[in-house]
Amino acid sequence: MMKLSLAVLAATLAFGQTAPAPATAAQMRVNQLSQTLNLTDAQKASALSIFTTSITNAQTIQTSLRTNQQSIADAVKKNDSATIDSLAAASGVLQGKALAINAKADAAFYAILTTDQKAIYDARPHGGPGGPGGRRGH
């Protein structure tokens, strides 16, 4: 679910392209979820807000991760093991923050679903909220 919008973000960052605006990425995700879960207009509006906020917040983390990765590359060229260790630990913290942002958005979205919608959502291949494959370093 969120994996889709974050995969788009990660792919565009990897290839140096401009990522879609948070509202655009969120709308793509809401459209996909709506098709699967038959969301009401009120649920769509809530989901759009939830995912726009999370994608916006995740972009800040992604920027920090890109800077961190460049610093690691620079430290590799200098054979600076201490800096590599420090930056790798910082990268882990940033990835954890991104995971938390995405998991909280998924939790907020899951909370607005009906019991029937939750059953459909849980049956999806990702294993439901936070299930296997449901999260990535988005």
Protein backbone atom coordinates (compact mmCIF):
# COMPACT_ATOMS: atom_id res chain seq x y z
CA MET A 1 0.00 0.00 0.00
CA MET A 2 2.24 2.74 1.23
CA LYS A 3 4.88 0.62 -0.37
CA LEU A 4 3.61 1.78 -3.78
CA SER A 5 3.98 5.49 -3.11
CA LEU A 6 7.28 5.02 -1.35
CA ALA A 7 8.55 2.77 -4.12
CA VAL A 8 7.73 5.53 -6.59
CA LEU A 9 9.55 8.02 -4.36
CA ALA A 10 12.57 5.76 -3.93
CA ALA A 11 12.78 5.00 -7.66
CA THR A 12 12.62 8.63 -8.65
CA LEU A 13 15.27 9.52 -6.08
CA ALA A 14 17.51 6.69 -7.25
CA PHE A 15 17.38 7.90 -10.83
CA GLY A 16 17.71 11.57 -9.93
CA GLN A 17 14.23 12.38 -11.12
CA THR A 18 11.83 14.66 -9.35
CA ALA A 19 9.47 12.74 -7.07
CA PRO A 20 5.77 13.38 -7.49
CA ALA A 21 4.35 15.96 -5.14
CA PRO A 22 3.18 14.41 -1.85
CA ALA A 23 -0.47 15.10 -2.69
CA THR A 24 -0.05 13.42 -6.09
CA ALA A 25 1.65 10.35 -4.62
CA ALA A 26 -0.98 10.18 -1.88
CA GLN A 27 -3.79 10.47 -4.42
CA MET A 28 -2.31 7.58 -6.42
CA ARG A 29 -2.29 5.46 -3.29
CA VAL A 30 -5.83 6.44 -2.29
CA ASN A 31 -7.07 5.62 -5.80
CA GLN A 32 -5.53 2.15 -5.59
CA LEU A 33 -6.89 1.54 -2.10
CA SER A 34 -10.31 2.80 -3.12
CA GLN A 35 -10.51 0.30 -5.95
CA THR A 36 -9.62 -2.55 -3.64
CA LEU A 37 -11.56 -1.50 -0.55
CA ASN A 38 -14.47 0.51 -2.00
CA LEU A 39 -13.70 3.50 0.21
CA THR A 40 -16.39 6.07 0.95
CA ASP A 41 -15.82 9.71 0.02
CA ALA A 42 -15.16 10.51 3.68
CA GLN A 43 -12.61 7.69 3.92
CA LYS A 44 -10.91 8.89 0.73
CA ALA A 45 -10.62 12.41 2.13
CA SER A 46 -9.17 11.12 5.42
CA ALA A 47 -6.79 8.77 3.64
CA LEU A 48 -5.59 11.55 1.34
CA SER A 49 -4.77 13.71 4.35
CA ILE A 50 -3.06 10.85 6.20
CA PHE A 51 -0.89 9.82 3.27
CA THR A 52 -0.05 13.34 2.09
CA THR A 53 1.27 14.15 5.55
CA SER A 54 3.27 10.92 5.82
CA ILE A 55 4.78 11.27 2.35
CA THR A 56 5.73 14.87 3.09
CA ASN A 57 7.39 13.82 6.34
CA ALA A 58 9.13 10.87 4.66
CA GLN A 59 10.60 13.19 2.00
CA THR A 60 12.49 15.06 4.70
CA ILE A 61 13.95 11.78 5.92
CA GLN A 62 14.84 10.74 2.35
CA THR A 63 16.75 13.98 1.87
CA SER A 64 18.72 13.30 5.04
CA LEU A 65 19.39 9.73 3.90
CA ARG A 66 20.73 10.92 0.53
CA THR A 67 23.07 13.33 2.31
CA ASN A 68 24.14 10.54 4.68
CA GLN A 69 24.82 8.16 1.77
CA GLN A 70 27.00 10.75 0.05
CA SER A 71 28.92 11.28 3.28
CA ILE A 72 29.45 7.53 3.58
CA ALA A 73 30.76 7.43 0.00
CA ASP A 74 33.18 10.24 0.87
CA ALA A 75 34.31 8.41 4.03
CA VAL A 76 34.89 5.22 2.01
CA LYS A 77 37.21 7.13 -0.32
CA LYS A 78 39.18 8.33 2.73
CA ASN A 79 39.17 4.87 4.38
CA ASP A 80 37.66 6.59 7.46
CA SER A 81 36.24 3.65 9.40
CA ALA A 82 35.13 5.68 12.41
CA THR A 83 33.09 8.05 10.23
CA ILE A 84 31.63 5.11 8.29
CA ASP A 85 30.50 3.52 11.57
CA SER A 86 28.98 6.77 12.80
CA LEU A 87 27.19 7.48 9.52
CA ALA A 88 25.93 3.90 9.24
CA ALA A 89 24.40 4.19 12.71
CA ALA A 90 22.81 7.52 11.76
CA SER A 91 21.43 5.90 8.59
CA GLY A 92 19.79 3.23 10.71
CA VAL A 93 18.14 5.87 12.87
CA LEU A 94 16.85 7.69 9.79
CA GLN A 95 15.51 4.48 8.29
CA GLY A 96 13.79 3.74 11.59
CA LYS A 97 12.16 7.16 11.53
CA ALA A 98 10.91 6.54 7.98
CA LEU A 99 9.52 3.18 9.05
CA ALA A 100 7.72 4.82 11.98
CA ILE A 101 6.22 7.53 9.76
CA ASN A 102 4.90 4.94 7.34
CA ALA A 103 3.65 2.55 10.01
CA LYS A 104 1.80 5.36 11.80
CA ALA A 105 0.15 6.38 8.52
CA ASP A 106 -0.88 2.78 7.91
CA ALA A 107 -2.26 2.57 11.45
CA ALA A 108 -4.27 5.77 11.02
CA PHE A 109 -5.62 4.52 7.68
CA TYR A 110 -6.46 1.09 9.12
CA ALA A 111 -8.40 2.79 11.93
CA ILE A 112 -10.82 4.41 9.45
CA LEU A 113 -11.71 1.12 7.75
CA THR A 114 -14.87 -0.86 8.40
CA THR A 115 -14.64 -4.44 9.65
CA ASP A 116 -15.27 -5.76 6.13
CA GLN A 117 -12.65 -3.47 4.63
CA LYS A 118 -10.12 -4.55 7.27
CA ALA A 119 -10.70 -8.18 6.31
CA ILE A 120 -9.96 -7.38 2.65
CA TYR A 121 -6.93 -5.29 3.60
CA ASP A 122 -5.59 -8.02 5.89
CA ALA A 123 -5.93 -10.63 3.13
CA ARG A 124 -3.66 -8.69 0.76
CA PRO A 125 -0.24 -10.20 -0.01
CA HIS A 126 1.63 -7.76 2.26
CA GLY A 127 0.10 -9.48 5.29
CA GLY A 128 -1.92 -6.55 6.61
CA PRO A 129 -0.66 -3.53 8.51
CA GLY A 130 3.06 -3.87 9.15
CA GLY A 131 3.02 -7.47 7.91
CA PRO A 132 5.69 -9.29 5.90
CA GLY A 133 6.82 -7.20 2.99
CA GLY A 134 4.55 -4.36 4.02
CA ARG A 135 7.36 -2.06 5.00
CA ARG A 136 10.57 -1.17 3.40
CA GLY A 137 13.26 1.33 4.08
CA HIS A 138 10.16 3.53 2.20
